[in-house]
Amino acid sequence: EIESLKKPSINPPTTSSTTLAQQKRRKEIEEKRAAEEKREKEDRERIERQNRLKDRVKQSPALIDNSKKLEEERKRKLEQAKQKQKEDAKKAKEKENQNKQNKNKKKMPKKQKKKKIRT
């Protein structure tokens, strides 16, 4: 048999419909790839802008690191609280001593006057 007259083992695709389908699929893939590249580029630019802004804010002289001031304030308030606690304890002790003295005064009998004996 002649090779050219043999039936092909696979049916050849119809040229117009297959070509159109392939072109459509290529176009969809290219559009998808272009959209993805555009999204990635926008993301990179957004991240870059955010980083620049973050660095600018970190280095801004308008922002003051007040952690030291807050720590000093906290220590000062703790000292005040300790001092107040000591004063309150001292006052309470004084009051307790005063109450004890008052109770002791009340318990002590009054001095009796010596009666003169008449003869």
PDB file of N, CA and C in Angstrom:
ATOM      1  N   GLU A   1       0.821  -1.181   0.000  1.00  0.00           N
ATOM      2  CA  GLU A   1       0.000   0.000   0.000  1.00  0.00           C
ATOM      3  C   GLU A   1       0.861   1.238   0.000  1.00  0.00           C
ATOM      4  N   ILE A   2       0.274   2.227  -0.532  1.00  0.00           N
ATOM      5  CA  ILE A   2       0.981   3.506  -0.614  1.00  0.00           C
ATOM      6  C   ILE A   2       0.778   4.248   0.719  1.00  0.00           C
ATOM      7  N   GLU A   3       1.849   4.771   1.218  1.00  0.00           N
ATOM      8  CA  GLU A   3       1.854   5.437   2.524  1.00  0.00           C
ATOM      9  C   GLU A   3       0.918   6.628   2.533  1.00  0.00           C
ATOM     10  N   SER A   4       0.866   7.382   1.528  1.00  0.00           N
ATOM     11  CA  SER A   4       0.060   8.601   1.506  1.00  0.00           C
ATOM     12  C   SER A   4      -1.434   8.280   1.436  1.00  0.00           C
ATOM     13  N   LEU A   5      -1.803   7.085   0.960  1.00  0.00           N
ATOM     14  CA  LEU A   5      -3.209   6.738   0.864  1.00  0.00           C
ATOM     15  C   LEU A   5      -3.730   6.074   2.147  1.00  0.00           C
ATOM     16  N   LYS A   6      -2.842   5.770   3.097  1.00  0.00           N
ATOM     17  CA  LYS A   6      -3.251   5.169   4.355  1.00  0.00           C
ATOM     18  C   LYS A   6      -4.064   6.142   5.183  1.00  0.00           C
ATOM     19  N   LYS A   7      -5.011   5.595   5.907  1.00  0.00           N
ATOM     20  CA  LYS A   7      -5.787   6.452   6.803  1.00  0.00           C
ATOM     21  C   LYS A   7      -4.900   6.774   8.015  1.00  0.00           C
ATOM     22  N   PRO A   8      -4.926   7.969   8.449  1.00  0.00           N
ATOM     23  CA  PRO A   8      -4.123   8.327   9.624  1.00  0.00           C
ATOM     24  C   PRO A   8      -4.692   7.623  10.855  1.00  0.00           C
ATOM     25  N   SER A   9      -3.812   7.300  11.784  1.00  0.00           N
ATOM     26  CA  SER A   9      -4.259   6.631  12.992  1.00  0.00           C
ATOM     27  C   SER A   9      -5.064   7.586  13.891  1.00  0.00           C
ATOM     28  N   ILE A  10      -4.768   8.854  13.834  1.00  0.00           N
ATOM     29  CA  ILE A  10      -5.505   9.878  14.577  1.00  0.00           C
ATOM     30  C   ILE A  10      -6.169  10.766  13.546  1.00  0.00           C
ATOM     31  N   ASN A  11      -7.411  11.034  13.826  1.00  0.00           N
ATOM     32  CA  ASN A  11      -8.105  11.928  12.905  1.00  0.00           C
ATOM     33  C   ASN A  11      -7.501  13.313  12.999  1.00  0.00           C
ATOM     34  N   PRO A  12      -7.156  13.909  11.884  1.00  0.00           N
ATOM     35  CA  PRO A  12      -6.579  15.253  11.934  1.00  0.00           C
ATOM     36  C   PRO A  12      -7.642  16.245  12.399  1.00  0.00           C
ATOM     37  N   PRO A  13      -7.235  17.190  13.243  1.00  0.00           N
ATOM     38  CA  PRO A  13      -8.210  18.172  13.709  1.00  0.00           C
ATOM     39  C   PRO A  13      -8.642  19.086  12.585  1.00  0.00           C
ATOM     40  N   THR A  14      -9.844  19.560  12.732  1.00  0.00           N
ATOM     41  CA  THR A  14     -10.286  20.523  11.728  1.00  0.00           C
ATOM     42  C   THR A  14      -9.511  21.786  11.997  1.00  0.00           C
ATOM     43  N   THR A  15      -8.970  22.325  11.017  1.00  0.00           N
ATOM     44  CA  THR A  15      -8.024  23.424  11.189  1.00  0.00           C
ATOM     45  C   THR A  15      -8.655  24.684  11.753  1.00  0.00           C
ATOM     46  N   SER A  16      -9.785  25.072  11.271  1.00  0.00           N
ATOM     47  CA  SER A  16     -10.335  26.358  11.704  1.00  0.00           C
ATOM     48  C   SER A  16     -10.807  26.310  13.155  1.00  0.00           C
ATOM     49  N   SER A  17     -11.547  25.309  13.561  1.00  0.00           N
ATOM     50  CA  SER A  17     -12.064  25.271  14.943  1.00  0.00           C
ATOM     51  C   SER A  17     -10.948  25.018  15.951  1.00  0.00           C
ATOM     52  N   THR A  18     -10.017  24.141  15.625  1.00  0.00           N
ATOM     53  CA  THR A  18      -8.916  23.856  16.541  1.00  0.00           C
ATOM     54  C   THR A  18      -8.017  25.070  16.690  1.00  0.00           C
ATOM     55  N   THR A  19      -7.736  25.709  15.603  1.00  0.00           N
ATOM     56  CA  THR A  19      -6.885  26.899  15.639  1.00  0.00           C
ATOM     57  C   THR A  19      -7.541  27.991  16.478  1.00  0.00           C
ATOM     58  N   LEU A  20      -8.837  28.192  16.298  1.00  0.00           N
ATOM     59  CA  LEU A  20      -9.546  29.204  17.081  1.00  0.00           C
ATOM     60  C   LEU A  20      -9.532  28.859  18.569  1.00  0.00           C
ATOM     61  N   ALA A  21      -9.759  27.593  18.887  1.00  0.00           N
ATOM     62  CA  ALA A  21      -9.762  27.162  20.286  1.00  0.00           C
ATOM     63  C   ALA A  21      -8.375  27.368  20.907  1.00  0.00           C
ATOM     64  N   GLN A  22      -7.331  27.013  20.157  1.00  0.00           N
ATOM     65  CA  GLN A  22      -5.971  27.195  20.660  1.00  0.00           C
ATOM     66  C   GLN A  22      -5.650  28.668  20.879  1.00  0.00           C
ATOM     67  N   GLN A  23      -6.062  29.498  19.927  1.00  0.00           N
ATOM     68  CA  GLN A  23      -5.813  30.938  20.048  1.00  0.00           C
ATOM     69  C   GLN A  23      -6.557  31.509  21.262  1.00  0.00           C
ATOM     70  N   LYS A  24      -7.795  31.057  21.445  1.00  0.00           N
ATOM     71  CA  LYS A  24      -8.591  31.538  22.570  1.00  0.00           C
ATOM     72  C   LYS A  24      -7.922  31.135  23.889  1.00  0.00           C
ATOM     73  N   ARG A  25      -7.497  29.895  23.985  1.00  0.00           N
ATOM     74  CA  ARG A  25      -6.848  29.397  25.201  1.00  0.00           C
ATOM     75  C   ARG A  25      -5.534  30.133  25.467  1.00  0.00           C
ATOM     76  N   ARG A  26      -4.737  30.355  24.412  1.00  0.00           N
ATOM     77  CA  ARG A  26      -3.489  31.120  24.566  1.00  0.00           C
ATOM     78  C   ARG A  26      -3.766  32.530  25.066  1.00  0.00           C
ATOM     79  N   LYS A  27      -4.787  33.142  24.497  1.00  0.00           N
ATOM     80  CA  LYS A  27      -5.143  34.504  24.890  1.00  0.00           C
ATOM     81  C   LYS A  27      -5.557  34.534  26.362  1.00  0.00           C
ATOM     82  N   GLU A  28      -6.366  33.568  26.782  1.00  0.00           N
ATOM     83  CA  GLU A  28      -6.788  33.505  28.188  1.00  0.00           C
ATOM     84  C   GLU A  28      -5.589  33.330  29.119  1.00  0.00           C
ATOM     85  N   ILE A  29      -4.675  32.439  28.729  1.00  0.00           N
ATOM     86  CA  ILE A  29      -3.478  32.197  29.548  1.00  0.00           C
ATOM     87  C   ILE A  29      -2.621  33.453  29.625  1.00  0.00           C
ATOM     88  N   GLU A  30      -2.434  34.136  28.502  1.00  0.00           N
ATOM     89  CA  GLU A  30      -1.631  35.365  28.482  1.00  0.00           C
ATOM     90  C   GLU A  30      -2.282  36.460  29.318  1.00  0.00           C
ATOM     91  N   GLU A  31      -3.618  36.582  29.231  1.00  0.00           N
ATOM     92  CA  GLU A  31      -4.316  37.592  30.026  1.00  0.00           C
ATOM     93  C   GLU A  31      -4.188  37.288  31.515  1.00  0.00           C
ATOM     94  N   LYS A  32      -4.323  36.015  31.851  1.00  0.00           N
ATOM     95  CA  LYS A  32      -4.197  35.606  33.243  1.00  0.00           C
ATOM     96  C   LYS A  32      -2.786  35.893  33.757  1.00  0.00           C
ATOM     97  N   ARG A  33      -1.781  35.560  32.947  1.00  0.00           N
ATOM     98  CA  ARG A  33      -0.390  35.813  33.322  1.00  0.00           C
ATOM     99  C   ARG A  33      -0.132  37.317  33.477  1.00  0.00           C
ATOM    100  N   ALA A  34      -0.679  38.115  32.537  1.00  0.00           N
ATOM    101  CA  ALA A  34      -0.489  39.567  32.602  1.00  0.00           C
ATOM    102  C   ALA A  34      -1.159  40.130  33.860  1.00  0.00           C
ATOM    103  N   ALA A  35      -2.360  39.648  34.175  1.00  0.00           N
ATOM    104  CA  ALA A  35      -3.061  40.121  35.372  1.00  0.00           C
ATOM    105  C   ALA A  35      -2.276  39.755  36.630  1.00  0.00           C
ATOM    106  N   GLU A  36      -1.733  38.551  36.657  1.00  0.00           N
ATOM    107  CA  GLU A  36      -0.947  38.101  37.803  1.00  0.00           C
ATOM    108  C   GLU A  36       0.316  38.938  37.964  1.00  0.00           C
ATOM    109  N   GLU A  37       1.004  39.216  36.863  1.00  0.00           N
ATOM    110  CA  GLU A  37       2.210  40.048  36.910  1.00  0.00           C
ATOM    111  C   GLU A  37       1.868  41.457  37.396  1.00  0.00           C
ATOM    112  N   LYS A  38       0.735  41.982  36.915  1.00  0.00           N
ATOM    113  CA  LYS A  38       0.308  43.319  37.335  1.00  0.00           C
ATOM    114  C   LYS A  38       0.023  43.338  38.840  1.00  0.00           C
ATOM    115  N   ARG A  39      -0.667  42.303  39.347  1.00  0.00           N
ATOM    116  CA  ARG A  39      -0.980  42.202  40.768  1.00  0.00           C
ATOM    117  C   ARG A  39       0.305  42.116  41.591  1.00  0.00           C
ATOM    118  N   GLU A  40       1.250  41.307  41.126  1.00  0.00           N
ATOM    119  CA  GLU A  40       2.522  41.175  41.838  1.00  0.00           C
ATOM    120  C   GLU A  40       3.291  42.492  41.871  1.00  0.00           C
ATOM    121  N   LYS A  41       3.268  43.201  40.759  1.00  0.00           N
ATOM    122  CA  LYS A  41       3.958  44.492  40.688  1.00  0.00           C
ATOM    123  C   LYS A  41       3.306  45.485  41.653  1.00  0.00           C
ATOM    124  N   GLU A  42       1.976  45.516  41.683  1.00  0.00           N
ATOM    125  CA  GLU A  42       1.265  46.412  42.599  1.00  0.00           C
ATOM    126  C   GLU A  42       1.574  46.057  44.052  1.00  0.00           C
ATOM    127  N   ASP A  43       1.635  44.754  44.338  1.00  0.00           N
ATOM    128  CA  ASP A  43       1.960  44.320  45.697  1.00  0.00           C
ATOM    129  C   ASP A  43       3.363  44.755  46.095  1.00  0.00           C
ATOM    130  N   ARG A  44       4.317  44.580  45.181  1.00  0.00           N
ATOM    131  CA  ARG A  44       5.695  45.012  45.474  1.00  0.00           C
ATOM    132  C   ARG A  44       5.741  46.511  45.739  1.00  0.00           C
ATOM    133  N   GLU A  45       5.054  47.289  44.901  1.00  0.00           N
ATOM    134  CA  GLU A  45       5.054  48.742  45.083  1.00  0.00           C
ATOM    135  C   GLU A  45       4.387  49.132  46.406  1.00  0.00           C
ATOM    136  N   ARG A  46       3.285  48.457  46.736  1.00  0.00           N
ATOM    137  CA  ARG A  46       2.582  48.757  47.984  1.00  0.00           C
ATOM    138  C   ARG A  46       3.469  48.448  49.189  1.00  0.00           C
ATOM    139  N   ILE A  47       4.127  47.307  49.161  1.00  0.00           N
ATOM    140  CA  ILE A  47       5.017  46.931  50.262  1.00  0.00           C
ATOM    141  C   ILE A  47       6.180  47.906  50.371  1.00  0.00           C
ATOM    142  N   GLU A  48       6.709  48.321  49.228  1.00  0.00           N
ATOM    143  CA  GLU A  48       7.811  49.285  49.234  1.00  0.00           C
ATOM    144  C   GLU A  48       7.357  50.615  49.845  1.00  0.00           C
ATOM    145  N   ARG A  49       6.167  51.081  49.453  1.00  0.00           N
ATOM    146  CA  ARG A  49       5.644  52.339  50.028  1.00  0.00           C
ATOM    147  C   ARG A  49       5.432  52.203  51.529  1.00  0.00           C
ATOM    148  N   GLN A  50       4.885  51.066  51.952  1.00  0.00           N
ATOM    149  CA  GLN A  50       4.667  50.843  53.381  1.00  0.00           C
ATOM    150  C   GLN A  50       5.987  50.859  54.147  1.00  0.00           C
ATOM    151  N   ASN A  51       6.991  50.214  53.604  1.00  0.00           N
ATOM    152  CA  ASN A  51       8.296  50.175  54.275  1.00  0.00           C
ATOM    153  C   ASN A  51       8.921  51.554  54.357  1.00  0.00           C
ATOM    154  N   ARG A  52       8.806  52.321  53.276  1.00  0.00           N
ATOM    155  CA  ARG A  52       9.353  53.686  53.309  1.00  0.00           C
ATOM    156  C   ARG A  52       8.654  54.520  54.374  1.00  0.00           C
ATOM    157  N   LEU A  53       7.319  54.397  54.422  1.00  0.00           N
ATOM    158  CA  LEU A  53       6.548  55.154  55.417  1.00  0.00           C
ATOM    159  C   LEU A  53       6.914  54.709  56.827  1.00  0.00           C
ATOM    160  N   LYS A  54       7.055  53.408  57.027  1.00  0.00           N
ATOM    161  CA  LYS A  54       7.417  52.873  58.340  1.00  0.00           C
ATOM    162  C   LYS A  54       8.783  53.401  58.761  1.00  0.00           C
ATOM    163  N   ASP A  55       9.750  53.390  57.849  1.00  0.00           N
ATOM    164  CA  ASP A  55      11.084  53.904  58.165  1.00  0.00           C
ATOM    165  C   ASP A  55      11.039  55.397  58.469  1.00  0.00           C
ATOM    166  N   ARG A  56      10.242  56.126  57.705  1.00  0.00           N
ATOM    167  CA  ARG A  56      10.129  57.564  57.922  1.00  0.00           C
ATOM    168  C   ARG A  56       9.546  57.844  59.305  1.00  0.00           C
ATOM    169  N   VAL A  57       8.532  57.075  59.670  1.00  0.00           N
ATOM    170  CA  VAL A  57       7.911  57.278  60.979  1.00  0.00           C
ATOM    171  C   VAL A  57       8.886  56.910  62.095  1.00  0.00           C
ATOM    172  N   LYS A  58       9.627  55.815  61.929  1.00  0.00           N
ATOM    173  CA  LYS A  58      10.597  55.408  62.951  1.00  0.00           C
ATOM    174  C   LYS A  58      11.656  56.472  63.170  1.00  0.00           C
ATOM    175  N   GLN A  59      12.075  57.112  62.097  1.00  0.00           N
ATOM    176  CA  GLN A  59      13.167  58.077  62.192  1.00  0.00           C
ATOM    177  C   GLN A  59      12.667  59.498  62.417  1.00  0.00           C
ATOM    178  N   SER A  60      11.380  59.665  62.547  1.00  0.00           N
ATOM    179  CA  SER A  60      10.807  60.996  62.696  1.00  0.00           C
ATOM    180  C   SER A  60      11.203  61.615  64.031  1.00  0.00           C
ATOM    181  N   PRO A  61      11.667  62.857  64.002  1.00  0.00           N
ATOM    182  CA  PRO A  61      12.005  63.522  65.264  1.00  0.00           C
ATOM    183  C   PRO A  61      10.762  63.922  66.046  1.00  0.00           C
ATOM    184  N   ALA A  62       9.603  63.907  65.389  1.00  0.00           N
ATOM    185  CA  ALA A  62       8.369  64.277  66.069  1.00  0.00           C
ATOM    186  C   ALA A  62       7.973  63.218  67.099  1.00  0.00           C
ATOM    187  N   LEU A  63       8.381  61.991  66.863  1.00  0.00           N
ATOM    188  CA  LEU A  63       8.061  60.921  67.805  1.00  0.00           C
ATOM    189  C   LEU A  63       9.165  60.821  68.837  1.00  0.00           C
ATOM    190  N   ILE A  64       8.771  60.808  70.086  1.00  0.00           N
ATOM    191  CA  ILE A  64       9.742  60.755  71.172  1.00  0.00           C
ATOM    192  C   ILE A  64       9.575  59.417  71.889  1.00  0.00           C
ATOM    193  N   ASP A  65      10.683  58.808  72.157  1.00  0.00           N
ATOM    194  CA  ASP A  65      10.636  57.543  72.902  1.00  0.00           C
ATOM    195  C   ASP A  65      10.429  57.886  74.371  1.00  0.00           C
ATOM    196  N   ASN A  66       9.244  57.612  74.878  1.00  0.00           N
ATOM    197  CA  ASN A  66       8.947  57.989  76.251  1.00  0.00           C
ATOM    198  C   ASN A  66       9.017  56.813  77.209  1.00  0.00           C
ATOM    199  N   SER A  67       9.639  55.737  76.801  1.00  0.00           N
ATOM    200  CA  SER A  67       9.717  54.564  77.669  1.00  0.00           C
ATOM    201  C   SER A  67      10.522  54.862  78.935  1.00  0.00           C
ATOM    202  N   LYS A  68      11.601  55.638  78.805  1.00  0.00           N
ATOM    203  CA  LYS A  68      12.402  55.989  79.984  1.00  0.00           C
ATOM    204  C   LYS A  68      11.593  56.849  80.939  1.00  0.00           C
ATOM    205  N   LYS A  69      10.875  57.799  80.372  1.00  0.00           N
ATOM    206  CA  LYS A  69      10.063  58.686  81.201  1.00  0.00           C
ATOM    207  C   LYS A  69       8.976  57.896  81.929  1.00  0.00           C
ATOM    208  N   LEU A  70       8.352  56.972  81.221  1.00  0.00           N
ATOM    209  CA  LEU A  70       7.314  56.152  81.837  1.00  0.00           C
ATOM    210  C   LEU A  70       7.891  55.275  82.946  1.00  0.00           C
ATOM    211  N   GLU A  71       9.073  54.747  82.724  1.00  0.00           N
ATOM    212  CA  GLU A  71       9.731  53.906  83.733  1.00  0.00           C
ATOM    213  C   GLU A  71      10.056  54.742  84.974  1.00  0.00           C
ATOM    214  N   GLU A  72      10.564  55.956  84.770  1.00  0.00           N
ATOM    215  CA  GLU A  72      10.872  56.834  85.903  1.00  0.00           C
ATOM    216  C   GLU A  72       9.604  57.191  86.667  1.00  0.00           C
ATOM    217  N   GLU A  73       8.550  57.483  85.938  1.00  0.00           N
ATOM    218  CA  GLU A  73       7.272  57.822  86.566  1.00  0.00           C
ATOM    219  C   GLU A  73       6.754  56.642  87.398  1.00  0.00           C
ATOM    220  N   ARG A  74       6.877  55.447  86.851  1.00  0.00           N
ATOM    221  CA  ARG A  74       6.427  54.248  87.566  1.00  0.00           C
ATOM    222  C   ARG A  74       7.230  54.069  88.857  1.00  0.00           C
ATOM    223  N   LYS A  75       8.559  54.246  88.777  1.00  0.00           N
ATOM    224  CA  LYS A  75       9.404  54.113  89.965  1.00  0.00           C
ATOM    225  C   LYS A  75       9.044  55.166  91.014  1.00  0.00           C
ATOM    226  N   ARG A  76       8.811  56.393  90.535  1.00  0.00           N
ATOM    227  CA  ARG A  76       8.449  57.474  91.464  1.00  0.00           C
ATOM    228  C   ARG A  76       7.143  57.155  92.182  1.00  0.00           C
ATOM    229  N   LYS A  77       6.167  56.666  91.440  1.00  0.00           N
ATOM    230  CA  LYS A  77       4.871  56.333  92.051  1.00  0.00           C
ATOM    231  C   LYS A  77       5.007  55.183  93.036  1.00  0.00           C
ATOM    232  N   LEU A  78       5.867  54.202  92.711  1.00  0.00           N
ATOM    233  CA  LEU A  78       6.106  53.105  93.654  1.00  0.00           C
ATOM    234  C   LEU A  78       6.723  53.630  94.945  1.00  0.00           C
ATOM    235  N   GLU A  79       7.691  54.535  94.816  1.00  0.00           N
ATOM    236  CA  GLU A  79       8.321  55.126  95.997  1.00  0.00           C
ATOM    237  C   GLU A  79       7.298  55.894  96.827  1.00  0.00           C
ATOM    238  N   GLN A  80       6.430  56.651  96.141  1.00  0.00           N
ATOM    239  CA  GLN A  80       5.399  57.395  96.855  1.00  0.00           C
ATOM    240  C   GLN A  80       4.465  56.447  97.599  1.00  0.00           C
ATOM    241  N   ALA A  81       4.105  55.359  96.934  1.00  0.00           N
ATOM    242  CA  ALA A  81       3.206  54.383  97.558  1.00  0.00           C
ATOM    243  C   ALA A  81       3.872  53.762  98.789  1.00  0.00           C
ATOM    244  N   LYS A  82       5.169  53.411  98.691  1.00  0.00           N
ATOM    245  CA  LYS A  82       5.886  52.857  99.836  1.00  0.00           C
ATOM    246  C   LYS A  82       5.940  53.866 100.981  1.00  0.00           C
ATOM    247  N   GLN A  83       6.247  55.113 100.637  1.00  0.00           N
ATOM    248  CA  GLN A  83       6.343  56.163 101.647  1.00  0.00           C
ATOM    249  C   GLN A  83       4.997  56.358 102.343  1.00  0.00           C
ATOM    250  N   LYS A  84       3.933  56.380 101.554  1.00  0.00           N
ATOM    251  CA  LYS A  84       2.586  56.552 102.114  1.00  0.00           C
ATOM    252  C   LYS A  84       2.227  55.377 103.006  1.00  0.00           C
ATOM    253  N   GLN A  85       2.608  54.184 102.591  1.00  0.00           N
ATOM    254  CA  GLN A  85       2.335  52.992 103.387  1.00  0.00           C
ATOM    255  C   GLN A  85       3.079  53.072 104.729  1.00  0.00           C
ATOM    256  N   LYS A  86       4.322  53.528 104.698  1.00  0.00           N
ATOM    257  CA  LYS A  86       5.096  53.678 105.934  1.00  0.00           C
ATOM    258  C   LYS A  86       4.448  54.710 106.852  1.00  0.00           C
ATOM    259  N   GLU A  87       4.039  55.829 106.252  1.00  0.00           N
ATOM    260  CA  GLU A  87       3.393  56.880 107.048  1.00  0.00           C
ATOM    261  C   GLU A  87       2.092  56.384 107.663  1.00  0.00           C
ATOM    262  N   ASP A  88       1.303  55.655 106.863  1.00  0.00           N
ATOM    263  CA  ASP A  88       0.040  55.125 107.367  1.00  0.00           C
ATOM    264  C   ASP A  88       0.286  54.138 108.509  1.00  0.00           C
ATOM    265  N   ALA A  89       1.306  53.293 108.356  1.00  0.00           N
ATOM    266  CA  ALA A  89       1.634  52.329 109.405  1.00  0.00           C
ATOM    267  C   ALA A  89       2.074  53.059 110.670  1.00  0.00           C
ATOM    268  N   LYS A  90       2.869  54.108 110.499  1.00  0.00           N
ATOM    269  CA  LYS A  90       3.344  54.890 111.643  1.00  0.00           C
ATOM    270  C   LYS A  90       2.175  55.565 112.365  1.00  0.00           C
ATOM    271  N   LYS A  91       1.259  56.141 111.592  1.00  0.00           N
ATOM    272  CA  LYS A  91       0.085  56.784 112.180  1.00  0.00           C
ATOM    273  C   LYS A  91      -0.776  55.762 112.921  1.00  0.00           C
ATOM    274  N   ALA A  92      -0.948  54.594 112.313  1.00  0.00           N
ATOM    275  CA  ALA A  92      -1.757  53.551 112.939  1.00  0.00           C
ATOM    276  C   ALA A  92      -1.128  53.108 114.251  1.00  0.00           C
ATOM    277  N   LYS A  93       0.182  52.979 114.268  1.00  0.00           N
ATOM    278  CA  LYS A  93       0.888  52.566 115.482  1.00  0.00           C
ATOM    279  C   LYS A  93       0.757  53.639 116.567  1.00  0.00           C
ATOM    280  N   GLU A  94       0.912  54.901 116.158  1.00  0.00           N
ATOM    281  CA  GLU A  94       0.758  56.000 117.115  1.00  0.00           C
ATOM    282  C   GLU A  94      -0.646  56.014 117.706  1.00  0.00           C
ATOM    283  N   LYS A  95      -1.633  55.810 116.859  1.00  0.00           N
ATOM    284  CA  LYS A  95      -3.019  55.802 117.301  1.00  0.00           C
ATOM    285  C   LYS A  95      -3.254  54.638 118.261  1.00  0.00           C
ATOM    286  N   GLU A  96      -2.675  53.494 117.945  1.00  0.00           N
ATOM    287  CA  GLU A  96      -2.808  52.317 118.803  1.00  0.00           C
ATOM    288  C   GLU A  96      -2.181  52.582 120.167  1.00  0.00           C
ATOM    289  N   ASN A  97      -0.990  53.186 120.149  1.00  0.00           N
ATOM    290  CA  ASN A  97      -0.322  53.526 121.421  1.00  0.00           C
ATOM    291  C   ASN A  97      -1.151  54.522 122.215  1.00  0.00           C
ATOM    292  N   GLN A  98      -1.718  55.483 121.520  1.00  0.00           N
ATOM    293  CA  GLN A  98      -2.534  56.492 122.184  1.00  0.00           C
ATOM    294  C   GLN A  98      -3.770  55.848 122.810  1.00  0.00           C
ATOM    295  N   ASN A  99      -4.383  54.920 122.077  1.00  0.00           N
ATOM    296  CA  ASN A  99      -5.544  54.210 122.613  1.00  0.00           C
ATOM    297  C   ASN A  99      -5.156  53.393 123.852  1.00  0.00           C
ATOM    298  N   LYS A 100      -3.980  52.758 123.823  1.00  0.00           N
ATOM    299  CA  LYS A 100      -3.514  51.988 124.971  1.00  0.00           C
ATOM    300  C   LYS A 100      -3.324  52.894 126.182  1.00  0.00           C
ATOM    301  N   GLN A 101      -2.745  54.068 125.932  1.00  0.00           N
ATOM    302  CA  GLN A 101      -2.519  55.012 127.027  1.00  0.00           C
ATOM    303  C   GLN A 101      -3.842  55.468 127.619  1.00  0.00           C
ATOM    304  N   ASN A 102      -4.805  55.745 126.734  1.00  0.00           N
ATOM    305  CA  ASN A 102      -6.116  56.183 127.219  1.00  0.00           C
ATOM    306  C   ASN A 102      -6.765  55.080 128.050  1.00  0.00           C
ATOM    307  N   LYS A 103      -6.657  53.830 127.615  1.00  0.00           N
ATOM    308  CA  LYS A 103      -7.238  52.718 128.365  1.00  0.00           C
ATOM    309  C   LYS A 103      -6.545  52.567 129.706  1.00  0.00           C
ATOM    310  N   ASN A 104      -5.223  52.726 129.712  1.00  0.00           N
ATOM    311  CA  ASN A 104      -4.476  52.615 130.961  1.00  0.00           C
ATOM    312  C   ASN A 104      -4.867  53.720 131.933  1.00  0.00           C
ATOM    313  N   LYS A 105      -5.111  54.894 131.447  1.00  0.00           N
ATOM    314  CA  LYS A 105      -5.528  56.012 132.289  1.00  0.00           C
ATOM    315  C   LYS A 105      -6.879  55.715 132.916  1.00  0.00           C
ATOM    316  N   LYS A 106      -7.762  55.143 132.110  1.00  0.00           N
ATOM    317  CA  LYS A 106      -9.104  54.832 132.603  1.00  0.00           C
ATOM    318  C   LYS A 106      -9.046  53.723 133.641  1.00  0.00           C
ATOM    319  N   LYS A 107      -8.171  52.767 133.482  1.00  0.00           N
ATOM    320  CA  LYS A 107      -8.063  51.651 134.416  1.00  0.00           C
ATOM    321  C   LYS A 107      -7.442  52.063 135.749  1.00  0.00           C
ATOM    322  N   MET A 108      -6.588  53.043 135.715  1.00  0.00           N
ATOM    323  CA  MET A 108      -5.912  53.458 136.936  1.00  0.00           C
ATOM    324  C   MET A 108      -6.921  54.130 137.861  1.00  0.00           C
ATOM    325  N   PRO A 109      -6.958  53.694 139.077  1.00  0.00           N
ATOM    326  CA  PRO A 109      -7.900  54.349 140.001  1.00  0.00           C
ATOM    327  C   PRO A 109      -7.433  55.768 140.311  1.00  0.00           C
ATOM    328  N   LYS A 110      -8.405  56.573 140.583  1.00  0.00           N
ATOM    329  CA  LYS A 110      -8.060  57.954 140.903  1.00  0.00           C
ATOM    330  C   LYS A 110      -7.390  57.990 142.267  1.00  0.00           C
ATOM    331  N   LYS A 111      -6.549  58.940 142.385  1.00  0.00           N
ATOM    332  CA  LYS A 111      -5.867  59.064 143.666  1.00  0.00           C
ATOM    333  C   LYS A 111      -6.896  59.484 144.715  1.00  0.00           C
ATOM    334  N   GLN A 112      -6.856  58.766 145.763  1.00  0.00           N
ATOM    335  CA  GLN A 112      -7.799  59.093 146.826  1.00  0.00           C
ATOM    336  C   GLN A 112      -7.172  60.131 147.739  1.00  0.00           C
ATOM    337  N   LYS A 113      -8.015  61.017 148.119  1.00  0.00           N
ATOM    338  CA  LYS A 113      -7.521  62.045 149.028  1.00  0.00           C
ATOM    339  C   LYS A 113      -7.404  61.444 150.410  1.00  0.00           C
ATOM    340  N   LYS A 114      -6.419  61.837 151.052  1.00  0.00           N
ATOM    341  CA  LYS A 114      -6.240  61.363 152.420  1.00  0.00           C
ATOM    342  C   LYS A 114      -7.218  62.112 153.303  1.00  0.00           C
ATOM    343  N   LYS A 115      -7.916  61.354 154.025  1.00  0.00           N
ATOM    344  CA  LYS A 115      -8.853  61.979 154.939  1.00  0.00           C
ATOM    345  C   LYS A 115      -8.123  62.289 156.243  1.00  0.00           C
ATOM    346  N   LYS A 116      -8.430  63.415 156.686  1.00  0.00           N
ATOM    347  CA  LYS A 116      -7.819  63.809 157.971  1.00  0.00           C
ATOM    348  C   LYS A 116      -8.665  63.200 159.064  1.00  0.00           C
ATOM    349  N   ILE A 117      -7.994  62.635 159.915  1.00  0.00           N
ATOM    350  CA  ILE A 117      -8.685  62.031 161.044  1.00  0.00           C
ATOM    351  C   ILE A 117      -8.744  63.068 162.147  1.00  0.00           C
ATOM    352  N   ARG A 118      -9.950  63.271 162.602  1.00  0.00           N
ATOM    353  CA  ARG A 118     -10.099  64.258 163.657  1.00  0.00           C
ATOM    354  C   ARG A 118      -9.955  63.590 165.001  1.00  0.00           C
ATOM    355  N   THR A 119      -9.287  64.235 165.761  1.00  0.00           N
ATOM    356  CA  THR A 119      -9.106  63.696 167.101  1.00  0.00           C
ATOM    357  C   THR A 119      -9.637  64.596 168.161  1.00  0.00           C
TER     358      THR A 119
END
